[in-house]
C-alpha atoms as a PDB file:
ATOM      1  CA  MET A   1      22.816 -70.048 -22.725  1.00  0.00           C
ATOM      2  CA  GLY A   2      24.602 -67.186 -21.546  1.00  0.00           C
ATOM      3  CA  ARG A   3      25.999 -67.218 -17.806  1.00  0.00           C
ATOM      4  CA  ARG A   4      25.124 -71.157 -17.937  1.00  0.00           C
ATOM      5  CA  VAL A   5      28.110 -71.893 -19.689  1.00  0.00           C
ATOM      6  CA  PRO A   6      31.320 -70.472 -18.097  1.00  0.00           C
ATOM      7  CA  VAL A   7      33.875 -69.208 -20.340  1.00  0.00           C
ATOM      8  CA  GLU A   8      36.407 -72.090 -18.973  1.00  0.00           C
ATOM      9  CA  LEU A   9      34.054 -74.649 -20.142  1.00  0.00           C
ATOM     10  CA  ARG A  10      33.561 -73.312 -23.288  1.00  0.00           C
ATOM     11  CA  VAL A  11      37.468 -73.638 -23.839  1.00  0.00           C
ATOM     12  CA  PHE A  12      37.578 -77.201 -22.386  1.00  0.00           C
ATOM     13  CA  LEU A  13      35.002 -78.196 -25.006  1.00  0.00           C
ATOM     14  CA  THR A  14      36.539 -76.741 -27.450  1.00  0.00           C
ATOM     15  CA  ALA A  15      40.117 -78.406 -26.733  1.00  0.00           C
ATOM     16  CA  ALA A  16      38.560 -81.505 -26.195  1.00  0.00           C
ATOM     17  CA  ALA A  17      36.744 -81.536 -29.752  1.00  0.00           C
ATOM     18  CA  ILE A  18      39.743 -80.676 -31.466  1.00  0.00           C
ATOM     19  CA  VAL A  19      41.735 -83.741 -29.750  1.00  0.00           C
ATOM     20  CA  ASP A  20      38.544 -85.770 -30.335  1.00  0.00           C
ATOM     21  CA  ASP A  21      39.259 -85.234 -34.101  1.00  0.00           C
ATOM     22  CA  ILE A  22      42.884 -85.856 -34.006  1.00  0.00           C
ATOM     23  CA  GLY A  23      42.200 -89.172 -32.260  1.00  0.00           C
ATOM     24  CA  ALA A  24      39.363 -89.842 -34.998  1.00  0.00           C
ATOM     25  CA  ILE A  25      42.074 -89.756 -37.556  1.00  0.00           C
ATOM     26  CA  LEU A  26      44.663 -91.613 -35.752  1.00  0.00           C
ATOM     27  CA  VAL A  27      42.093 -94.267 -34.991  1.00  0.00           C
ATOM     28  CA  VAL A  28      41.700 -94.515 -38.962  1.00  0.00           C
ATOM     29  CA  ALA A  29      45.066 -94.259 -39.756  1.00  0.00           C
ATOM     30  CA  ALA A  30      46.026 -97.146 -37.293  1.00  0.00           C
ATOM     31  CA  PHE A  31      42.834 -99.751 -37.906  1.00  0.00           C
ATOM     32  CA  TYR A  32      41.607 -98.936 -41.295  1.00  0.00           C
ATOM     33  CA  THR A  33      44.530 -99.542 -43.197  1.00  0.00           C
ATOM     34  CA  ASP A  34      45.225-102.500 -45.374  1.00  0.00           C
ATOM     35  CA  THR A  35      48.596-102.826 -46.503  1.00  0.00           C
ATOM     36  CA  LEU A  36      51.654-100.717 -46.175  1.00  0.00           C
ATOM     37  CA  GLN A  37      54.442 -99.738 -48.917  1.00  0.00           C
ATOM     38  CA  ALA A  38      57.658 -99.509 -47.082  1.00  0.00           C
ATOM     39  CA  GLY A  39      58.906 -96.798 -49.776  1.00  0.00           C
ATOM     40  CA  TYR A  40      56.163 -94.354 -49.393  1.00  0.00           C
ATOM     41  CA  LEU A  41      56.269 -94.809 -45.523  1.00  0.00           C
ATOM     42  CA  ALA A  42      60.168 -94.185 -45.950  1.00  0.00           C
ATOM     43  CA  GLY A  43      59.670 -91.260 -48.092  1.00  0.00           C
ATOM     44  CA  ALA A  44      57.012 -89.616 -45.337  1.00  0.00           C
ATOM     45  CA  ALA A  45      59.342 -89.972 -42.727  1.00  0.00           C
ATOM     46  CA  ALA A  46      62.163 -87.935 -44.684  1.00  0.00           C
ATOM     47  CA  ILE A  47      59.719 -85.276 -45.220  1.00  0.00           C
ATOM     48  CA  THR A  48      58.765 -85.411 -41.427  1.00  0.00           C
ATOM     49  CA  GLY A  49      62.267 -84.870 -40.629  1.00  0.00           C
ATOM     50  CA  LEU A  50      62.873 -82.163 -43.309  1.00  0.00           C
ATOM     51  CA  LEU A  51      59.693 -80.304 -41.645  1.00  0.00           C
ATOM     52  CA  ALA A  52      61.523 -80.548 -38.205  1.00  0.00           C
ATOM     53  CA  MET A  53      64.432 -79.607 -39.469  1.00  0.00           C
ATOM     54  CA  LEU A  54      62.696 -76.368 -40.861  1.00  0.00           C
ATOM     55  CA  ASN A  55      60.622 -75.698 -37.708  1.00  0.00           C
ATOM     56  CA  ARG A  56      63.738 -75.992 -35.646  1.00  0.00           C
ATOM     57  CA  ALA A  57      65.680 -73.533 -38.023  1.00  0.00           C
ATOM     58  CA  ALA A  58      62.613 -71.023 -37.643  1.00  0.00           C
ATOM     59  CA  ILE A  59      62.068 -71.008 -41.126  1.00  0.00           C
ATOM     60  CA  TYR A  60      59.048 -68.613 -41.250  1.00  0.00           C
ATOM     61  CA  ARG A  61      58.154 -68.465 -44.740  1.00  0.00           C
ATOM     62  CA  PRO A  62      55.027 -70.780 -45.292  1.00  0.00           C
ATOM     63  CA  SER A  63      55.788 -71.883 -49.168  1.00  0.00           C
ATOM     64  CA  PRO A  64      58.712 -74.457 -48.191  1.00  0.00           C
ATOM     65  CA  TYR A  65      55.848 -75.961 -45.478  1.00  0.00           C
ATOM     66  CA  VAL A  66      53.433 -75.857 -48.258  1.00  0.00           C
ATOM     67  CA  LEU A  67      55.235 -77.734 -50.757  1.00  0.00           C
ATOM     68  CA  LEU A  68      56.544 -80.161 -48.331  1.00  0.00           C
ATOM     69  CA  GLY A  69      52.773 -80.818 -47.131  1.00  0.00           C
ATOM     70  CA  ILE A  70      51.891 -81.702 -50.308  1.00  0.00           C
ATOM     71  CA  GLY A  71      54.705 -84.228 -50.969  1.00  0.00           C
ATOM     72  CA  LEU A  72      53.832 -85.660 -47.375  1.00  0.00           C
ATOM     73  CA  TRP A  73      50.139 -86.130 -48.576  1.00  0.00           C
ATOM     74  CA  VAL A  74      51.408 -88.043 -51.718  1.00  0.00           C
ATOM     75  CA  CYS A  75      53.692 -90.239 -49.675  1.00  0.00           C
ATOM     76  CA  VAL A  76      51.165 -90.938 -46.980  1.00  0.00           C
ATOM     77  CA  HIS A  77      48.491 -91.512 -49.348  1.00  0.00           C
ATOM     78  CA  GLY A  78      50.704 -93.981 -51.286  1.00  0.00           C
ATOM     79  CA  SER A  79      51.793 -95.879 -48.280  1.00  0.00           C
ATOM     80  CA  GLY A  80      48.443 -97.167 -47.583  1.00  0.00           C
ATOM     81  CA  VAL A  81      47.807 -95.092 -44.332  1.00  0.00           C
ATOM     82  CA  HIS A  82      44.932 -93.181 -44.735  1.00  0.00           C
ATOM     83  CA  ALA A  83      46.150 -89.615 -46.164  1.00  0.00           C
ATOM     84  CA  SER A  84      44.492 -87.145 -43.448  1.00  0.00           C
ATOM     85  CA  LEU A  85      47.313 -88.248 -41.181  1.00  0.00           C
ATOM     86  CA  ALA A  86      49.482 -86.181 -43.243  1.00  0.00           C
ATOM     87  CA  GLY A  87      47.356 -83.083 -41.656  1.00  0.00           C
ATOM     88  CA  ILE A  88      48.150 -83.684 -38.460  1.00  0.00           C
ATOM     89  CA  VAL A  89      52.012 -84.161 -38.970  1.00  0.00           C
ATOM     90  CA  LEU A  90      52.239 -80.978 -41.092  1.00  0.00           C
ATOM     91  CA  ALA A  91      50.285 -79.075 -38.598  1.00  0.00           C
ATOM     92  CA  LEU A  92      52.304 -80.377 -35.691  1.00  0.00           C
ATOM     93  CA  PHE A  93      55.554 -78.567 -37.705  1.00  0.00           C
ATOM     94  CA  ILE A  94      54.316 -75.188 -38.854  1.00  0.00           C
ATOM     95  CA  PRO A  95      55.776 -72.519 -36.404  1.00  0.00           C
ATOM     96  CA  THR A  96      52.847 -71.023 -34.316  1.00  0.00           C
ATOM     97  CA  ARG A  97      55.837 -68.730 -32.231  1.00  0.00           C
ATOM     98  CA  PRO A  98      56.454 -65.331 -32.692  1.00  0.00           C
ATOM     99  CA  PRO A  99      59.340 -64.854 -34.690  1.00  0.00           C
ATOM    100  CA  PRO A 100      62.845 -64.422 -32.853  1.00  0.00           C
ATOM    101  CA  ASN A 101      63.542 -60.673 -33.994  1.00  0.00           C
ATOM    102  CA  ILE A 102      60.132 -59.470 -32.450  1.00  0.00           C
ATOM    103  CA  LYS A 103      61.808 -56.551 -30.743  1.00  0.00           C
ATOM    104  CA  THR A 104      63.706 -55.387 -34.079  1.00  0.00           C
ATOM    105  CA  LEU A 105      60.221 -55.483 -36.098  1.00  0.00           C
ATOM    106  CA  MET A 106      58.086 -53.715 -33.307  1.00  0.00           C
ATOM    107  CA  LEU A 107      61.272 -50.867 -33.232  1.00  0.00           C
ATOM    108  CA  GLN A 108      61.296 -50.936 -37.193  1.00  0.00           C
ATOM    109  CA  ALA A 109      57.148 -50.612 -36.907  1.00  0.00           C
ATOM    110  CA  ASP A 110      57.535 -47.612 -34.283  1.00  0.00           C
ATOM    111  CA  ALA A 111      60.051 -45.935 -35.836  1.00  0.00           C
ATOM    112  CA  ILE A 112      57.873 -45.443 -39.238  1.00  0.00           C
ATOM    113  CA  LEU A 113      55.368 -44.486 -37.486  1.00  0.00           C
ATOM    114  CA  SER A 114      57.089 -41.906 -35.788  1.00  0.00           C
ATOM    115  CA  ALA A 115      58.671 -40.452 -38.956  1.00  0.00           C
ATOM    116  CA  GLU A 116      55.008 -40.713 -40.344  1.00  0.00           C
ATOM    117  CA  MET A 117      53.362 -38.241 -37.361  1.00  0.00           C
ATOM    118  CA  LYS A 118      56.067 -35.669 -38.144  1.00  0.00           C
ATOM    119  CA  ARG A 119      54.250 -35.083 -41.373  1.00  0.00           C
ATOM    120  CA  GLY A 120      51.916 -33.436 -39.154  1.00  0.00           C
ATOM    121  CA  ARG A 121      48.393 -32.172 -40.925  1.00  0.00           C
ATOM    122  CA  GLU A 122      49.550 -34.026 -44.215  1.00  0.00           C
ATOM    123  CA  VAL A 123      49.059 -37.455 -42.461  1.00  0.00           C
ATOM    124  CA  MET A 124      45.724 -36.309 -40.461  1.00  0.00           C
ATOM    125  CA  ARG A 125      44.504 -35.303 -44.208  1.00  0.00           C
ATOM    126  CA  TYR A 126      45.810 -37.919 -46.698  1.00  0.00           C
ATOM    127  CA  GLY A 127      46.701 -41.002 -44.366  1.00  0.00           C
ATOM    128  CA  PRO A 128      50.091 -42.733 -44.079  1.00  0.00           C
ATOM    129  CA  SER A 129      52.276 -42.800 -47.274  1.00  0.00           C
ATOM    130  CA  VAL A 130      52.260 -45.696 -49.665  1.00  0.00           C
ATOM    131  CA  SER A 131      55.787 -46.560 -48.868  1.00  0.00           C
ATOM    132  CA  SER A 132      55.125 -46.557 -44.890  1.00  0.00           C
ATOM    133  CA  LEU A 133      52.050 -48.717 -45.825  1.00  0.00           C
ATOM    134  CA  GLU A 134      54.145 -51.019 -47.505  1.00  0.00           C
ATOM    135  CA  ALA A 135      56.655 -51.109 -45.350  1.00  0.00           C
ATOM    136  CA  LEU A 136      54.264 -51.912 -42.367  1.00  0.00           C
ATOM    137  CA  ASP A 137      52.560 -54.480 -44.503  1.00  0.00           C
ATOM    138  CA  ALA A 138      56.214 -56.206 -44.783  1.00  0.00           C
ATOM    139  CA  ILE A 139      56.639 -55.913 -41.122  1.00  0.00           C
ATOM    140  CA  HIS A 140      53.440 -57.585 -40.481  1.00  0.00           C
ATOM    141  CA  ASP A 141      54.046 -60.510 -42.820  1.00  0.00           C
ATOM    142  CA  ARG A 142      57.305 -61.060 -40.782  1.00  0.00           C
ATOM    143  CA  LEU A 143      55.638 -60.961 -37.444  1.00  0.00           C
ATOM    144  CA  GLU A 144      52.765 -63.390 -38.139  1.00  0.00           C
ATOM    145  CA  SER A 145      53.663 -66.869 -37.532  1.00  0.00           C
ATOM    146  CA  PRO A 146      53.334 -69.145 -40.568  1.00  0.00           C
ATOM    147  CA  ALA A 147      50.526 -71.161 -38.620  1.00  0.00           C
ATOM    148  CA  GLU A 148      48.194 -67.797 -37.995  1.00  0.00           C
ATOM    149  CA  ARG A 149      48.724 -66.964 -41.835  1.00  0.00           C
ATOM    150  CA  MET A 150      47.710 -70.368 -43.243  1.00  0.00           C
ATOM    151  CA  LEU A 151      44.582 -70.437 -40.608  1.00  0.00           C
ATOM    152  CA  ARG A 152      43.210 -66.931 -41.671  1.00  0.00           C
ATOM    153  CA  TYR A 153      43.717 -68.064 -45.545  1.00  0.00           C
ATOM    154  CA  VAL A 154      42.578 -71.715 -45.154  1.00  0.00           C
ATOM    155  CA  ALA A 155      40.019 -71.776 -42.533  1.00  0.00           C
ATOM    156  CA  PRO A 156      37.374 -69.796 -44.561  1.00  0.00           C
ATOM    157  CA  ARG A 157      37.784 -71.913 -47.439  1.00  0.00           C
ATOM    158  CA  SER A 158      37.558 -75.011 -45.352  1.00  0.00           C
ATOM    159  CA  SER A 159      34.352 -73.913 -43.089  1.00  0.00           C
ATOM    160  CA  TYR A 160      32.769 -72.456 -46.020  1.00  0.00           C
ATOM    161  CA  LEU A 161      33.745 -74.705 -48.996  1.00  0.00           C
ATOM    162  CA  VAL A 162      35.325 -77.841 -47.686  1.00  0.00           C
ATOM    163  CA  LEU A 163      33.055 -79.070 -44.646  1.00  0.00           C
ATOM    164  CA  PRO A 164      29.736 -77.963 -46.874  1.00  0.00           C
ATOM    165  CA  LEU A 165      30.964 -80.242 -49.762  1.00  0.00           C
ATOM    166  CA  PHE A 166      31.916 -83.214 -47.350  1.00  0.00           C
ATOM    167  CA  ALA A 167      28.302 -83.045 -45.986  1.00  0.00           C
ATOM    168  CA  LEU A 168      26.650 -82.737 -49.183  1.00  0.00           C
ATOM    169  CA  ALA A 169      28.334 -85.730 -50.379  1.00  0.00           C
ATOM    170  CA  ASN A 170      28.398 -87.836 -47.055  1.00  0.00           C
ATOM    171  CA  ALA A 171      25.146 -86.863 -45.285  1.00  0.00           C
ATOM    172  CA  GLY A 172      22.159 -87.875 -47.777  1.00  0.00           C
ATOM    173  CA  VAL A 173      20.505 -91.355 -46.821  1.00  0.00           C
ATOM    174  CA  VAL A 174      17.203 -93.184 -48.237  1.00  0.00           C
ATOM    175  CA  LEU A 175      15.104 -93.946 -45.465  1.00  0.00           C
ATOM    176  CA  ASP A 176      14.046 -97.501 -46.836  1.00  0.00           C
ATOM    177  CA  ALA A 177      12.707 -99.620 -43.652  1.00  0.00           C
ATOM    178  CA  ALA A 178      13.481-102.962 -45.778  1.00  0.00           C
ATOM    179  CA  ALA A 179      17.197-101.912 -46.462  1.00  0.00           C
ATOM    180  CA  LEU A 180      17.797-101.054 -42.756  1.00  0.00           C
ATOM    181  CA  ALA A 181      15.910-104.275 -41.756  1.00  0.00           C
ATOM    182  CA  GLY A 182      18.490-106.538 -39.401  1.00  0.00           C
ATOM    183  CA  ARG A 183      20.723-103.474 -38.841  1.00  0.00           C
ATOM    184  CA  GLU A 184      19.092-102.307 -35.480  1.00  0.00           C
ATOM    185  CA  ALA A 185      22.110-103.660 -33.503  1.00  0.00           C
ATOM    186  CA  LEU A 186      24.596-101.375 -35.706  1.00  0.00           C
ATOM    187  CA  MET A 187      22.001 -98.122 -35.308  1.00  0.00           C
ATOM    188  CA  LEU A 188      21.760 -98.768 -31.579  1.00  0.00           C
ATOM    189  CA  GLY A 189      25.385 -99.091 -30.888  1.00  0.00           C
ATOM    190  CA  THR A 190      26.152 -96.032 -33.304  1.00  0.00           C
ATOM    191  CA  ALA A 191      23.865 -93.688 -31.492  1.00  0.00           C
ATOM    192  CA  ALA A 192      24.491 -95.025 -27.572  1.00  0.00           C
ATOM    193  CA  ALA A 193      28.414 -94.442 -28.503  1.00  0.00           C
ATOM    194  CA  LEU A 194      27.310 -90.818 -29.234  1.00  0.00           C
ATOM    195  CA  VAL A 195      24.510 -90.146 -26.607  1.00  0.00           C
ATOM    196  CA  ALA A 196      26.007 -91.955 -23.518  1.00  0.00           C
ATOM    197  CA  GLY A 197      29.525 -92.919 -24.545  1.00  0.00           C
ATOM    198  CA  LYS A 198      31.021 -89.142 -24.900  1.00  0.00           C
ATOM    199  CA  PRO A 199      29.356 -87.860 -21.450  1.00  0.00           C
ATOM    200  CA  LEU A 200      30.703 -90.945 -19.760  1.00  0.00           C
ATOM    201  CA  GLY A 201      33.952 -90.631 -21.190  1.00  0.00           C
ATOM    202  CA  PHE A 202      34.289 -86.953 -20.382  1.00  0.00           C
ATOM    203  CA  ILE A 203      33.238 -87.436 -16.773  1.00  0.00           C
ATOM    204  CA  ALA A 204      35.534 -90.759 -16.107  1.00  0.00           C
ATOM    205  CA  ALA A 205      38.797 -89.253 -17.904  1.00  0.00           C
ATOM    206  CA  THR A 206      38.163 -86.135 -15.921  1.00  0.00           C
ATOM    207  CA  LEU A 207      37.624 -87.328 -12.643  1.00  0.00           C
ATOM    208  CA  LEU A 208      40.420 -89.710 -13.213  1.00  0.00           C
ATOM    209  CA  ALA A 209      42.498 -87.240 -14.058  1.00  0.00           C
ATOM    210  CA  VAL A 210      41.726 -84.775 -11.029  1.00  0.00           C
ATOM    211  CA  LYS A 211      42.334 -87.842  -8.460  1.00  0.00           C
ATOM    212  CA  LEU A 212      45.332 -88.870  -9.735  1.00  0.00           C
ATOM    213  CA  GLY A 213      46.474 -85.205  -9.450  1.00  0.00           C
ATOM    214  CA  ILE A 214      47.081 -84.787 -13.557  1.00  0.00           C
ATOM    215  CA  ALA A 215      45.031 -82.211 -13.660  1.00  0.00           C
ATOM    216  CA  ALA A 216      42.696 -79.396 -11.546  1.00  0.00           C
ATOM    217  CA  LYS A 217      39.035 -78.598 -12.451  1.00  0.00           C
ATOM    218  CA  PRO A 218      38.249 -75.167 -12.584  1.00  0.00           C
ATOM    219  CA  ARG A 219      35.775 -74.137  -9.772  1.00  0.00           C
ATOM    220  CA  ALA A 220      33.932 -72.016 -12.599  1.00  0.00           C
ATOM    221  CA  TYR A 221      31.813 -74.989 -13.585  1.00  0.00           C
ATOM    222  CA  THR A 222      30.172 -78.029 -11.775  1.00  0.00           C
ATOM    223  CA  TRP A 223      30.365 -81.379 -12.665  1.00  0.00           C
ATOM    224  CA  ARG A 224      26.893 -81.831 -13.710  1.00  0.00           C
ATOM    225  CA  GLN A 225      27.758 -78.807 -16.121  1.00  0.00           C
ATOM    226  CA  LEU A 226      30.838 -80.713 -17.333  1.00  0.00           C
ATOM    227  CA  ALA A 227      28.692 -83.565 -18.134  1.00  0.00           C
ATOM    228  CA  GLY A 228      26.409 -81.402 -19.982  1.00  0.00           C
ATOM    229  CA  ALA A 229      29.389 -80.527 -21.894  1.00  0.00           C
ATOM    230  CA  GLY A 230      29.986 -84.158 -22.453  1.00  0.00           C
ATOM    231  CA  ALA A 231      26.699 -84.705 -23.824  1.00  0.00           C
ATOM    232  CA  LEU A 232      27.015 -82.027 -26.578  1.00  0.00           C
ATOM    233  CA  ALA A 233      30.304 -83.729 -27.426  1.00  0.00           C
ATOM    234  CA  GLY A 234      28.362 -86.228 -28.253  1.00  0.00           C
ATOM    235  CA  ILE A 235      27.060 -84.146 -31.629  1.00  0.00           C
ATOM    236  CA  GLY A 236      29.028 -86.222 -34.315  1.00  0.00           C
ATOM    237  CA  PHE A 237      29.019 -85.321 -37.849  1.00  0.00           C
ATOM    238  CA  THR A 238      32.303 -84.650 -39.823  1.00  0.00           C
ATOM    239  CA  MET A 239      34.397 -87.135 -38.209  1.00  0.00           C
ATOM    240  CA  SER A 240      31.681 -89.481 -37.220  1.00  0.00           C
ATOM    241  CA  LEU A 241      30.448 -90.005 -41.155  1.00  0.00           C
ATOM    242  CA  PHE A 242      34.266 -90.376 -42.175  1.00  0.00           C
ATOM    243  CA  ILE A 243      35.040 -93.296 -39.853  1.00  0.00           C
ATOM    244  CA  ALA A 244      31.815 -94.832 -40.678  1.00  0.00           C
ATOM    245  CA  GLY A 245      32.625 -94.593 -44.450  1.00  0.00           C
ATOM    246  CA  GLN A 246      35.963 -96.059 -43.584  1.00  0.00           C
ATOM    247  CA  ALA A 247      34.131 -98.760 -41.465  1.00  0.00           C
ATOM    248  CA  PHE A 248      31.246 -99.605 -43.518  1.00  0.00           C
ATOM    249  CA  HIS A 249      31.686-100.469 -47.055  1.00  0.00           C
ATOM    250  CA  VAL A 250      28.198-102.143 -47.994  1.00  0.00           C
ATOM    251  CA  GLU A 251      25.917 -99.200 -48.597  1.00  0.00           C
ATOM    252  CA  ALA A 252      22.981-100.332 -46.531  1.00  0.00           C
ATOM    253  CA  ASP A 253      25.403-100.444 -43.541  1.00  0.00           C
ATOM    254  CA  PHE A 254      26.647 -97.141 -44.103  1.00  0.00           C
ATOM    255  CA  ALA A 255      23.364 -95.573 -44.371  1.00  0.00           C
ATOM    256  CA  ALA A 256      22.237 -97.116 -41.372  1.00  0.00           C
ATOM    257  CA  ALA A 257      25.227 -95.999 -39.414  1.00  0.00           C
ATOM    258  CA  LYS A 258      24.513 -92.388 -40.926  1.00  0.00           C
ATOM    259  CA  ILE A 259      21.103 -92.675 -39.641  1.00  0.00           C
ATOM    260  CA  ALA A 260      22.139 -93.495 -36.017  1.00  0.00           C
ATOM    261  CA  ILE A 261      24.860 -90.759 -36.289  1.00  0.00           C
ATOM    262  CA  PHE A 262      21.711 -87.979 -37.038  1.00  0.00           C
ATOM    263  CA  VAL A 263      19.635 -89.605 -34.543  1.00  0.00           C
ATOM    264  CA  GLY A 264      22.146 -89.772 -31.778  1.00  0.00           C
ATOM    265  CA  SER A 265      23.469 -86.130 -32.545  1.00  0.00           C
ATOM    266  CA  VAL A 266      20.148 -84.933 -32.161  1.00  0.00           C
ATOM    267  CA  LEU A 267      19.468 -86.745 -28.761  1.00  0.00           C
ATOM    268  CA  SER A 268      22.931 -85.331 -28.041  1.00  0.00           C
ATOM    269  CA  ALA A 269      21.978 -81.957 -28.473  1.00  0.00           C
ATOM    270  CA  LEU A 270      19.083 -82.041 -26.493  1.00  0.00           C
ATOM    271  CA  ALA A 271      20.103 -83.797 -23.287  1.00  0.00           C
ATOM    272  CA  GLY A 272      23.469 -81.352 -23.464  1.00  0.00           C
ATOM    273  CA  THR A 273      21.065 -78.227 -23.769  1.00  0.00           C
ATOM    274  CA  ALA A 274      18.857 -79.398 -21.147  1.00  0.00           C
ATOM    275  CA  ILE A 275      21.510 -80.572 -18.774  1.00  0.00           C
ATOM    276  CA  LEU A 276      23.198 -77.153 -19.027  1.00  0.00           C
ATOM    277  CA  TRP A 277      20.216 -75.063 -18.608  1.00  0.00           C
ATOM    278  CA  PHE A 278      18.855 -76.444 -15.487  1.00  0.00           C
ATOM    279  CA  ALA A 279      22.317 -77.245 -14.006  1.00  0.00           C
ATOM    280  CA  ARG A 280      23.151 -74.939 -11.043  1.00  0.00           C
ATOM    281  CA  ILE A 281      25.648 -72.034 -12.044  1.00  0.00           C
ATOM    282  CA  GLY A 282      29.067 -72.629 -10.776  1.00  0.00           C
ATOM    283  CA  PRO A 283      30.693 -70.356  -8.063  1.00  0.00           C
ATOM    284  CA  PRO A 284      32.545 -67.417  -9.346  1.00  0.00           C
ATOM    285  CA  ASP A 285      35.673 -68.494  -7.768  1.00  0.00           C
ATOM    286  CA  SER A 286      38.257 -69.667 -10.485  1.00  0.00           C
ATOM    287  CA  GLN A 287      40.467 -71.177  -8.215  1.00  0.00           C
ATOM    288  CA  PRO A 288      40.921 -74.900  -9.829  1.00  0.00           C
ATOM    289  CA  GLU A 289      39.512 -77.741  -7.545  1.00  0.00           C
ATOM    290  CA  ARG A 290      42.278 -80.541  -6.713  1.00  0.00           C
ATOM    291  CA  ALA A 291      42.291 -83.719  -5.293  1.00  0.00           C
ATOM    292  CA  SER A 292      42.873 -83.681  -1.570  1.00  0.00           C
ATOM    293  CA  ALA A 293      45.977 -85.238  -0.177  1.00  0.00           C
ATOM    294  CA  LYS A 294      45.666 -88.314   1.723  1.00  0.00           C
END
């Protein structure tokens, strides 16, 4: 929608979607756990401590985090808490900062490039030498944080393999009116939570934060545009189906919830698009809007 959606609003919606997913996983871990195994919980706590030590010691090789992450998943799964919580804990401790010796590494890269430039026409004709390229690759590996490296390798597999498999495994429903009879309240509540709950939550939470002075709303977008972003946030799929699968163990209930999620997602998409399309474009001034002092 071009200029109808300012960059600041896109950033806010993206961040809110991430926090929303994390919150959903925490809800599953907290409220959909039957029994707890103290031994596995202690193991998970010990591995979390080791992850914190690795992070504090600025260990930048990804392999220790991967191995500890596998052990953490096993312990969290065995403890009775939903194993998806292990992913959040692991992500919190994977370093995202540049390495502490970044200046030294940059100087080494400059020295390699300067030495290559002295080769003159040979570099222009054949390119850098193999040894120089290998040295630059090694420096790049040390410059890149483990979080960035894992995202680079894992994100395509997650987006194009894991999520489609999840969708194929959970999205299919059988449209049987008889099986859905008596579940109108379940479907209405699920759809209303997406269509109305998300925009109301966006507006209420952000308005409260601005009024209390906790946050400032950028002037680049209006409150109406924020409501449109909140409506778009009602497009629920992966986490909505995930929680529904944990909450409804009767197949007919789960099928009704899935239909409601699909209907609510379509209505949220239409409502958010309409609100943003017809909303007045905010002023170009990007200074944040703060609550007035009383």
